[in-house]
Amino acid sequence: MSLRKDHQISHHPKTTFAGQLVCPHCQTAFPLTWRRYWSAPWGNYRCPKCRQMFHPITIFLPWVIIVIIVGMTLVGIVSALFGA
């Protein structure tokens, strides 16, 4: 079995200062301008260097799902205990 030698810093896009994004494929930082923001309404941005598409919001998706599940569970428990 061979081990992977090409370790990347992260597979997820990161935000840097002043609204800059970092491409998860080539690690190029580029600014999120209004033109890019409005041309990609669902957040599918294209890296200007490697031309690959990525979606920065996928970093937060698991946390959003967990918060919604926990919140709905707590609401259900509270309404079952105190509701009539």
PDB file of N, CA and C in Angstrom:
ATOM      1  N   MET A   1       0.834  -1.163   0.000  1.00  0.00           N
ATOM      2  CA  MET A   1       0.000   0.000   0.000  1.00  0.00           C
ATOM      3  C   MET A   1       0.888   1.239   0.000  1.00  0.00           C
ATOM      4  N   SER A   2       0.601   2.151  -0.870  1.00  0.00           N
ATOM      5  CA  SER A   2       1.413   3.363  -0.944  1.00  0.00           C
ATOM      6  C   SER A   2       0.698   4.524  -0.250  1.00  0.00           C
ATOM      7  N   LEU A   3       1.463   5.396   0.314  1.00  0.00           N
ATOM      8  CA  LEU A   3       0.913   6.560   0.994  1.00  0.00           C
ATOM      9  C   LEU A   3       0.928   7.753   0.058  1.00  0.00           C
ATOM     10  N   ARG A   4      -0.044   8.618   0.231  1.00  0.00           N
ATOM     11  CA  ARG A   4      -0.084   9.840  -0.573  1.00  0.00           C
ATOM     12  C   ARG A   4       1.000  10.790  -0.119  1.00  0.00           C
ATOM     13  N   LYS A   5       1.743  11.315  -1.055  1.00  0.00           N
ATOM     14  CA  LYS A   5       2.836  12.215  -0.729  1.00  0.00           C
ATOM     15  C   LYS A   5       2.464  13.679  -0.908  1.00  0.00           C
ATOM     16  N   ASP A   6       1.412  13.951  -1.685  1.00  0.00           N
ATOM     17  CA  ASP A   6       1.070  15.342  -2.002  1.00  0.00           C
ATOM     18  C   ASP A   6      -0.011  15.853  -1.050  1.00  0.00           C
ATOM     19  N   HIS A   7       0.405  16.196   0.129  1.00  0.00           N
ATOM     20  CA  HIS A   7      -0.532  16.709   1.119  1.00  0.00           C
ATOM     21  C   HIS A   7      -0.862  18.165   0.816  1.00  0.00           C
ATOM     22  N   GLN A   8      -2.145  18.474   0.817  1.00  0.00           N
ATOM     23  CA  GLN A   8      -2.566  19.853   0.641  1.00  0.00           C
ATOM     24  C   GLN A   8      -2.908  20.431   1.996  1.00  0.00           C
ATOM     25  N   ILE A   9      -2.944  21.744   2.062  1.00  0.00           N
ATOM     26  CA  ILE A   9      -3.272  22.408   3.310  1.00  0.00           C
ATOM     27  C   ILE A   9      -4.711  22.118   3.706  1.00  0.00           C
ATOM     28  N   SER A  10      -5.620  22.240   2.758  1.00  0.00           N
ATOM     29  CA  SER A  10      -7.022  22.005   3.046  1.00  0.00           C
ATOM     30  C   SER A  10      -7.743  21.655   1.759  1.00  0.00           C
ATOM     31  N   HIS A  11      -8.777  20.858   1.877  1.00  0.00           N
ATOM     32  CA  HIS A  11      -9.598  20.541   0.719  1.00  0.00           C
ATOM     33  C   HIS A  11     -10.798  21.460   0.635  1.00  0.00           C
ATOM     34  N   HIS A  12     -10.986  22.287   1.616  1.00  0.00           N
ATOM     35  CA  HIS A  12     -12.109  23.204   1.653  1.00  0.00           C
ATOM     36  C   HIS A  12     -11.637  24.618   1.362  1.00  0.00           C
ATOM     37  N   PRO A  13     -12.461  25.388   0.660  1.00  0.00           N
ATOM     38  CA  PRO A  13     -12.082  26.779   0.443  1.00  0.00           C
ATOM     39  C   PRO A  13     -12.110  27.549   1.758  1.00  0.00           C
ATOM     40  N   LYS A  14     -11.206  28.486   1.892  1.00  0.00           N
ATOM     41  CA  LYS A  14     -11.133  29.287   3.099  1.00  0.00           C
ATOM     42  C   LYS A  14     -11.353  30.745   2.729  1.00  0.00           C
ATOM     43  N   THR A  15     -11.787  31.521   3.674  1.00  0.00           N
ATOM     44  CA  THR A  15     -11.851  32.946   3.443  1.00  0.00           C
ATOM     45  C   THR A  15     -10.652  33.574   4.117  1.00  0.00           C
ATOM     46  N   THR A  16     -10.095  34.570   3.491  1.00  0.00           N
ATOM     47  CA  THR A  16      -8.983  35.299   4.060  1.00  0.00           C
ATOM     48  C   THR A  16      -9.485  36.700   4.400  1.00  0.00           C
ATOM     49  N   PHE A  17      -8.603  37.623   4.613  1.00  0.00           N
ATOM     50  CA  PHE A  17      -9.005  38.969   4.979  1.00  0.00           C
ATOM     51  C   PHE A  17      -9.777  39.643   3.853  1.00  0.00           C
ATOM     52  N   ALA A  18     -10.649  40.529   4.195  1.00  0.00           N
ATOM     53  CA  ALA A  18     -11.385  41.401   3.271  1.00  0.00           C
ATOM     54  C   ALA A  18     -12.141  40.641   2.187  1.00  0.00           C
ATOM     55  N   GLY A  19     -12.734  39.513   2.543  1.00  0.00           N
ATOM     56  CA  GLY A  19     -13.578  38.803   1.607  1.00  0.00           C
ATOM     57  C   GLY A  19     -12.858  38.046   0.518  1.00  0.00           C
ATOM     58  N   GLN A  20     -11.599  37.706   0.723  1.00  0.00           N
ATOM     59  CA  GLN A  20     -10.895  36.932  -0.281  1.00  0.00           C
ATOM     60  C   GLN A  20     -11.182  35.452  -0.075  1.00  0.00           C
ATOM     61  N   LEU A  21     -11.238  34.725  -1.181  1.00  0.00           N
ATOM     62  CA  LEU A  21     -11.419  33.286  -1.140  1.00  0.00           C
ATOM     63  C   LEU A  21     -10.133  32.603  -1.558  1.00  0.00           C
ATOM     64  N   VAL A  22      -9.936  31.374  -1.091  1.00  0.00           N
ATOM     65  CA  VAL A  22      -8.780  30.577  -1.481  1.00  0.00           C
ATOM     66  C   VAL A  22      -9.314  29.341  -2.194  1.00  0.00           C
ATOM     67  N   CYS A  23      -8.850  29.127  -3.400  1.00  0.00           N
ATOM     68  CA  CYS A  23      -9.279  27.981  -4.201  1.00  0.00           C
ATOM     69  C   CYS A  23      -8.795  26.689  -3.543  1.00  0.00           C
ATOM     70  N   PRO A  24      -9.681  25.700  -3.357  1.00  0.00           N
ATOM     71  CA  PRO A  24      -9.249  24.450  -2.733  1.00  0.00           C
ATOM     72  C   PRO A  24      -8.401  23.582  -3.658  1.00  0.00           C
ATOM     73  N   HIS A  25      -8.404  23.871  -4.941  1.00  0.00           N
ATOM     74  CA  HIS A  25      -7.670  23.062  -5.904  1.00  0.00           C
ATOM     75  C   HIS A  25      -6.222  23.530  -6.089  1.00  0.00           C
ATOM     76  N   CYS A  26      -6.038  24.854  -6.236  1.00  0.00           N
ATOM     77  CA  CYS A  26      -4.682  25.360  -6.500  1.00  0.00           C
ATOM     78  C   CYS A  26      -4.181  26.318  -5.418  1.00  0.00           C
ATOM     79  N   GLN A  27      -4.976  26.571  -4.375  1.00  0.00           N
ATOM     80  CA  GLN A  27      -4.618  27.438  -3.246  1.00  0.00           C
ATOM     81  C   GLN A  27      -4.355  28.882  -3.652  1.00  0.00           C
ATOM     82  N   THR A  28      -4.987  29.353  -4.725  1.00  0.00           N
ATOM     83  CA  THR A  28      -4.844  30.737  -5.169  1.00  0.00           C
ATOM     84  C   THR A  28      -5.870  31.603  -4.446  1.00  0.00           C
ATOM     85  N   ALA A  29      -5.422  32.699  -3.859  1.00  0.00           N
ATOM     86  CA  ALA A  29      -6.329  33.636  -3.198  1.00  0.00           C
ATOM     87  C   ALA A  29      -6.790  34.674  -4.207  1.00  0.00           C
ATOM     88  N   PHE A  30      -8.102  34.945  -4.209  1.00  0.00           N
ATOM     89  CA  PHE A  30      -8.648  35.965  -5.093  1.00  0.00           C
ATOM     90  C   PHE A  30      -9.817  36.637  -4.388  1.00  0.00           C
ATOM     91  N   PRO A  31     -10.065  37.915  -4.699  1.00  0.00           N
ATOM     92  CA  PRO A  31     -11.113  38.643  -3.997  1.00  0.00           C
ATOM     93  C   PRO A  31     -12.502  38.259  -4.506  1.00  0.00           C
ATOM     94  N   LEU A  32     -13.457  38.304  -3.615  1.00  0.00           N
ATOM     95  CA  LEU A  32     -14.856  38.105  -3.983  1.00  0.00           C
ATOM     96  C   LEU A  32     -15.432  39.478  -4.286  1.00  0.00           C
ATOM     97  N   THR A  33     -15.480  39.823  -5.555  1.00  0.00           N
ATOM     98  CA  THR A  33     -15.971  41.138  -5.975  1.00  0.00           C
ATOM     99  C   THR A  33     -17.486  41.087  -6.140  1.00  0.00           C
ATOM    100  N   TRP A  34     -18.110  42.259  -6.271  1.00  0.00           N
ATOM    101  CA  TRP A  34     -19.555  42.313  -6.487  1.00  0.00           C
ATOM    102  C   TRP A  34     -19.941  41.635  -7.792  1.00  0.00           C
ATOM    103  N   ARG A  35     -19.096  41.772  -8.805  1.00  0.00           N
ATOM    104  CA  ARG A  35     -19.390  41.142 -10.091  1.00  0.00           C
ATOM    105  C   ARG A  35     -19.414  39.612  -9.950  1.00  0.00           C
ATOM    106  N   ARG A  36     -18.430  39.042  -9.253  1.00  0.00           N
ATOM    107  CA  ARG A  36     -18.430  37.596  -9.016  1.00  0.00           C
ATOM    108  C   ARG A  36     -19.613  37.182  -8.152  1.00  0.00           C
ATOM    109  N   TYR A  37     -19.919  37.992  -7.143  1.00  0.00           N
ATOM    110  CA  TYR A  37     -21.012  37.675  -6.232  1.00  0.00           C
ATOM    111  C   TYR A  37     -22.342  37.605  -6.972  1.00  0.00           C
ATOM    112  N   TRP A  38     -22.644  38.602  -7.791  1.00  0.00           N
ATOM    113  CA  TRP A  38     -23.924  38.640  -8.500  1.00  0.00           C
ATOM    114  C   TRP A  38     -23.969  37.700  -9.691  1.00  0.00           C
ATOM    115  N   SER A  39     -22.834  37.326 -10.258  1.00  0.00           N
ATOM    116  CA  SER A  39     -22.847  36.402 -11.395  1.00  0.00           C
ATOM    117  C   SER A  39     -22.970  34.946 -10.951  1.00  0.00           C
ATOM    118  N   ALA A  40     -22.806  34.674  -9.666  1.00  0.00           N
ATOM    119  CA  ALA A  40     -22.956  33.314  -9.141  1.00  0.00           C
ATOM    120  C   ALA A  40     -23.952  33.329  -7.985  1.00  0.00           C
ATOM    121  N   PRO A  41     -25.253  33.368  -8.287  1.00  0.00           N
ATOM    122  CA  PRO A  41     -26.242  33.510  -7.213  1.00  0.00           C
ATOM    123  C   PRO A  41     -26.282  32.333  -6.240  1.00  0.00           C
ATOM    124  N   TRP A  42     -25.862  31.146  -6.657  1.00  0.00           N
ATOM    125  CA  TRP A  42     -25.865  29.987  -5.762  1.00  0.00           C
ATOM    126  C   TRP A  42     -24.503  29.750  -5.134  1.00  0.00           C
ATOM    127  N   GLY A  43     -23.539  30.632  -5.363  1.00  0.00           N
ATOM    128  CA  GLY A  43     -22.233  30.535  -4.721  1.00  0.00           C
ATOM    129  C   GLY A  43     -21.253  29.602  -5.399  1.00  0.00           C
ATOM    130  N   ASN A  44     -21.494  29.244  -6.647  1.00  0.00           N
ATOM    131  CA  ASN A  44     -20.552  28.404  -7.383  1.00  0.00           C
ATOM    132  C   ASN A  44     -19.527  29.306  -8.061  1.00  0.00           C
ATOM    133  N   TYR A  45     -18.399  29.490  -7.404  1.00  0.00           N
ATOM    134  CA  TYR A  45     -17.389  30.402  -7.914  1.00  0.00           C
ATOM    135  C   TYR A  45     -16.350  29.653  -8.735  1.00  0.00           C
ATOM    136  N   ARG A  46     -15.770  30.336  -9.709  1.00  0.00           N
ATOM    137  CA  ARG A  46     -14.736  29.759 -10.563  1.00  0.00           C
ATOM    138  C   ARG A  46     -13.409  30.447 -10.237  1.00  0.00           C
ATOM    139  N   CYS A  47     -12.394  29.634 -10.009  1.00  0.00           N
ATOM    140  CA  CYS A  47     -11.066  30.163  -9.724  1.00  0.00           C
ATOM    141  C   CYS A  47     -10.507  30.819 -10.986  1.00  0.00           C
ATOM    142  N   PRO A  48      -9.954  32.034 -10.879  1.00  0.00           N
ATOM    143  CA  PRO A  48      -9.412  32.691 -12.066  1.00  0.00           C
ATOM    144  C   PRO A  48      -8.125  32.045 -12.591  1.00  0.00           C
ATOM    145  N   LYS A  49      -7.436  31.271 -11.768  1.00  0.00           N
ATOM    146  CA  LYS A  49      -6.191  30.657 -12.213  1.00  0.00           C
ATOM    147  C   LYS A  49      -6.410  29.270 -12.831  1.00  0.00           C
ATOM    148  N   CYS A  50      -7.039  28.358 -12.099  1.00  0.00           N
ATOM    149  CA  CYS A  50      -7.191  26.988 -12.596  1.00  0.00           C
ATOM    150  C   CYS A  50      -8.546  26.745 -13.258  1.00  0.00           C
ATOM    151  N   ARG A  51      -9.451  27.713 -13.185  1.00  0.00           N
ATOM    152  CA  ARG A  51     -10.773  27.660 -13.827  1.00  0.00           C
ATOM    153  C   ARG A  51     -11.675  26.551 -13.280  1.00  0.00           C
ATOM    154  N   GLN A  52     -11.381  26.026 -12.093  1.00  0.00           N
ATOM    155  CA  GLN A  52     -12.219  24.990 -11.485  1.00  0.00           C
ATOM    156  C   GLN A  52     -13.319  25.641 -10.656  1.00  0.00           C
ATOM    157  N   MET A  53     -14.479  25.016 -10.648  1.00  0.00           N
ATOM    158  CA  MET A  53     -15.603  25.509  -9.863  1.00  0.00           C
ATOM    159  C   MET A  53     -15.496  24.979  -8.432  1.00  0.00           C
ATOM    160  N   PHE A  54     -15.919  25.795  -7.465  1.00  0.00           N
ATOM    161  CA  PHE A  54     -16.026  25.335  -6.087  1.00  0.00           C
ATOM    162  C   PHE A  54     -17.121  26.112  -5.391  1.00  0.00           C
ATOM    163  N   HIS A  55     -17.584  25.562  -4.295  1.00  0.00           N
ATOM    164  CA  HIS A  55     -18.714  26.126  -3.565  1.00  0.00           C
ATOM    165  C   HIS A  55     -18.292  26.347  -2.114  1.00  0.00           C
ATOM    166  N   PRO A  56     -17.985  27.587  -1.714  1.00  0.00           N
ATOM    167  CA  PRO A  56     -17.453  27.825  -0.370  1.00  0.00           C
ATOM    168  C   PRO A  56     -18.420  27.506   0.760  1.00  0.00           C
ATOM    169  N   ILE A  57     -19.710  27.531   0.521  1.00  0.00           N
ATOM    170  CA  ILE A  57     -20.667  27.323   1.602  1.00  0.00           C
ATOM    171  C   ILE A  57     -20.710  25.867   2.049  1.00  0.00           C
ATOM    172  N   THR A  58     -20.130  24.946   1.300  1.00  0.00           N
ATOM    173  CA  THR A  58     -20.156  23.541   1.698  1.00  0.00           C
ATOM    174  C   THR A  58     -19.370  23.280   2.975  1.00  0.00           C
ATOM    175  N   ILE A  59     -18.533  24.208   3.371  1.00  0.00           N
ATOM    176  CA  ILE A  59     -17.808  24.067   4.637  1.00  0.00           C
ATOM    177  C   ILE A  59     -18.790  24.085   5.802  1.00  0.00           C
ATOM    178  N   PHE A  60     -19.780  24.964   5.726  1.00  0.00           N
ATOM    179  CA  PHE A  60     -20.696  25.171   6.832  1.00  0.00           C
ATOM    180  C   PHE A  60     -21.925  24.272   6.777  1.00  0.00           C
ATOM    181  N   LEU A  61     -22.144  23.553   5.694  1.00  0.00           N
ATOM    182  CA  LEU A  61     -23.349  22.763   5.535  1.00  0.00           C
ATOM    183  C   LEU A  61     -23.542  21.716   6.629  1.00  0.00           C
ATOM    184  N   PRO A  62     -22.543  20.915   7.007  1.00  0.00           N
ATOM    185  CA  PRO A  62     -22.773  19.945   8.085  1.00  0.00           C
ATOM    186  C   PRO A  62     -23.155  20.610   9.407  1.00  0.00           C
ATOM    187  N   TRP A  63     -22.554  21.743   9.711  1.00  0.00           N
ATOM    188  CA  TRP A  63     -22.885  22.431  10.956  1.00  0.00           C
ATOM    189  C   TRP A  63     -24.299  22.977  10.924  1.00  0.00           C
ATOM    190  N   VAL A  64     -24.745  23.464   9.784  1.00  0.00           N
ATOM    191  CA  VAL A  64     -26.100  23.978   9.665  1.00  0.00           C
ATOM    192  C   VAL A  64     -27.108  22.855   9.878  1.00  0.00           C
ATOM    193  N   ILE A  65     -26.852  21.700   9.289  1.00  0.00           N
ATOM    194  CA  ILE A  65     -27.757  20.565   9.451  1.00  0.00           C
ATOM    195  C   ILE A  65     -27.806  20.108  10.906  1.00  0.00           C
ATOM    196  N   ILE A  66     -26.660  20.057  11.563  1.00  0.00           N
ATOM    197  CA  ILE A  66     -26.624  19.649  12.973  1.00  0.00           C
ATOM    198  C   ILE A  66     -27.390  20.637  13.841  1.00  0.00           C
ATOM    199  N   VAL A  67     -27.208  21.938  13.613  1.00  0.00           N
ATOM    200  CA  VAL A  67     -27.910  22.954  14.407  1.00  0.00           C
ATOM    201  C   VAL A  67     -29.411  22.849  14.194  1.00  0.00           C
ATOM    202  N   ILE A  68     -29.856  22.628  12.968  1.00  0.00           N
ATOM    203  CA  ILE A  68     -31.286  22.508  12.691  1.00  0.00           C
ATOM    204  C   ILE A  68     -31.859  21.267  13.369  1.00  0.00           C
ATOM    205  N   ILE A  69     -31.171  20.137  13.301  1.00  0.00           N
ATOM    206  CA  ILE A  69     -31.666  18.909  13.934  1.00  0.00           C
ATOM    207  C   ILE A  69     -31.756  19.062  15.447  1.00  0.00           C
ATOM    208  N   VAL A  70     -30.711  19.610  16.060  1.00  0.00           N
ATOM    209  CA  VAL A  70     -30.720  19.806  17.513  1.00  0.00           C
ATOM    210  C   VAL A  70     -31.809  20.799  17.910  1.00  0.00           C
ATOM    211  N   GLY A  71     -31.953  21.887  17.153  1.00  0.00           N
ATOM    212  CA  GLY A  71     -32.989  22.873  17.460  1.00  0.00           C
ATOM    213  C   GLY A  71     -34.389  22.304  17.345  1.00  0.00           C
ATOM    214  N   MET A  72     -34.650  21.551  16.300  1.00  0.00           N
ATOM    215  CA  MET A  72     -35.972  20.953  16.136  1.00  0.00           C
ATOM    216  C   MET A  72     -36.253  19.902  17.217  1.00  0.00           C
ATOM    217  N   THR A  73     -35.219  19.174  17.629  1.00  0.00           N
ATOM    218  CA  THR A  73     -35.392  18.199  18.706  1.00  0.00           C
ATOM    219  C   THR A  73     -35.729  18.896  20.015  1.00  0.00           C
ATOM    220  N   LEU A  74     -35.025  19.977  20.320  1.00  0.00           N
ATOM    221  CA  LEU A  74     -35.306  20.718  21.554  1.00  0.00           C
ATOM    222  C   LEU A  74     -36.708  21.342  21.524  1.00  0.00           C
ATOM    223  N   VAL A  75     -37.108  21.869  20.393  1.00  0.00           N
ATOM    224  CA  VAL A  75     -38.450  22.437  20.269  1.00  0.00           C
ATOM    225  C   VAL A  75     -39.494  21.338  20.477  1.00  0.00           C
ATOM    226  N   GLY A  76     -39.256  20.156  19.913  1.00  0.00           N
ATOM    227  CA  GLY A  76     -40.187  19.056  20.092  1.00  0.00           C
ATOM    228  C   GLY A  76     -40.285  18.601  21.534  1.00  0.00           C
ATOM    229  N   ILE A  77     -39.157  18.521  22.227  1.00  0.00           N
ATOM    230  CA  ILE A  77     -39.163  18.103  23.631  1.00  0.00           C
ATOM    231  C   ILE A  77     -39.885  19.129  24.494  1.00  0.00           C
ATOM    232  N   VAL A  78     -39.567  20.401  24.291  1.00  0.00           N
ATOM    233  CA  VAL A  78     -40.204  21.461  25.074  1.00  0.00           C
ATOM    234  C   VAL A  78     -41.702  21.497  24.819  1.00  0.00           C
ATOM    235  N   SER A  79     -42.121  21.374  23.571  1.00  0.00           N
ATOM    236  CA  SER A  79     -43.560  21.414  23.267  1.00  0.00           C
ATOM    237  C   SER A  79     -44.267  20.168  23.804  1.00  0.00           C
ATOM    238  N   ALA A  80     -43.580  19.015  23.861  1.00  0.00           N
ATOM    239  CA  ALA A  80     -44.186  17.810  24.416  1.00  0.00           C
ATOM    240  C   ALA A  80     -44.326  17.893  25.936  1.00  0.00           C
ATOM    241  N   LEU A  81     -43.357  18.544  26.583  1.00  0.00           N
ATOM    242  CA  LEU A  81     -43.414  18.644  28.044  1.00  0.00           C
ATOM    243  C   LEU A  81     -44.394  19.710  28.515  1.00  0.00           C
ATOM    244  N   PHE A  82     -44.407  20.863  27.864  1.00  0.00           N
ATOM    245  CA  PHE A  82     -45.204  21.983  28.355  1.00  0.00           C
ATOM    246  C   PHE A  82     -46.454  22.255  27.529  1.00  0.00           C
ATOM    247  N   GLY A  83     -46.585  21.617  26.392  1.00  0.00           N
ATOM    248  CA  GLY A  83     -47.748  21.836  25.540  1.00  0.00           C
ATOM    249  C   GLY A  83     -48.920  20.975  26.000  1.00  0.00           C
ATOM    250  N   ALA A  84     -50.068  21.391  25.614  1.00  0.00           N
ATOM    251  CA  ALA A  84     -51.246  20.614  26.029  1.00  0.00           C
ATOM    252  C   ALA A  84     -51.874  19.918  24.858  1.00  0.00           C
TER     253      ALA A  84
END
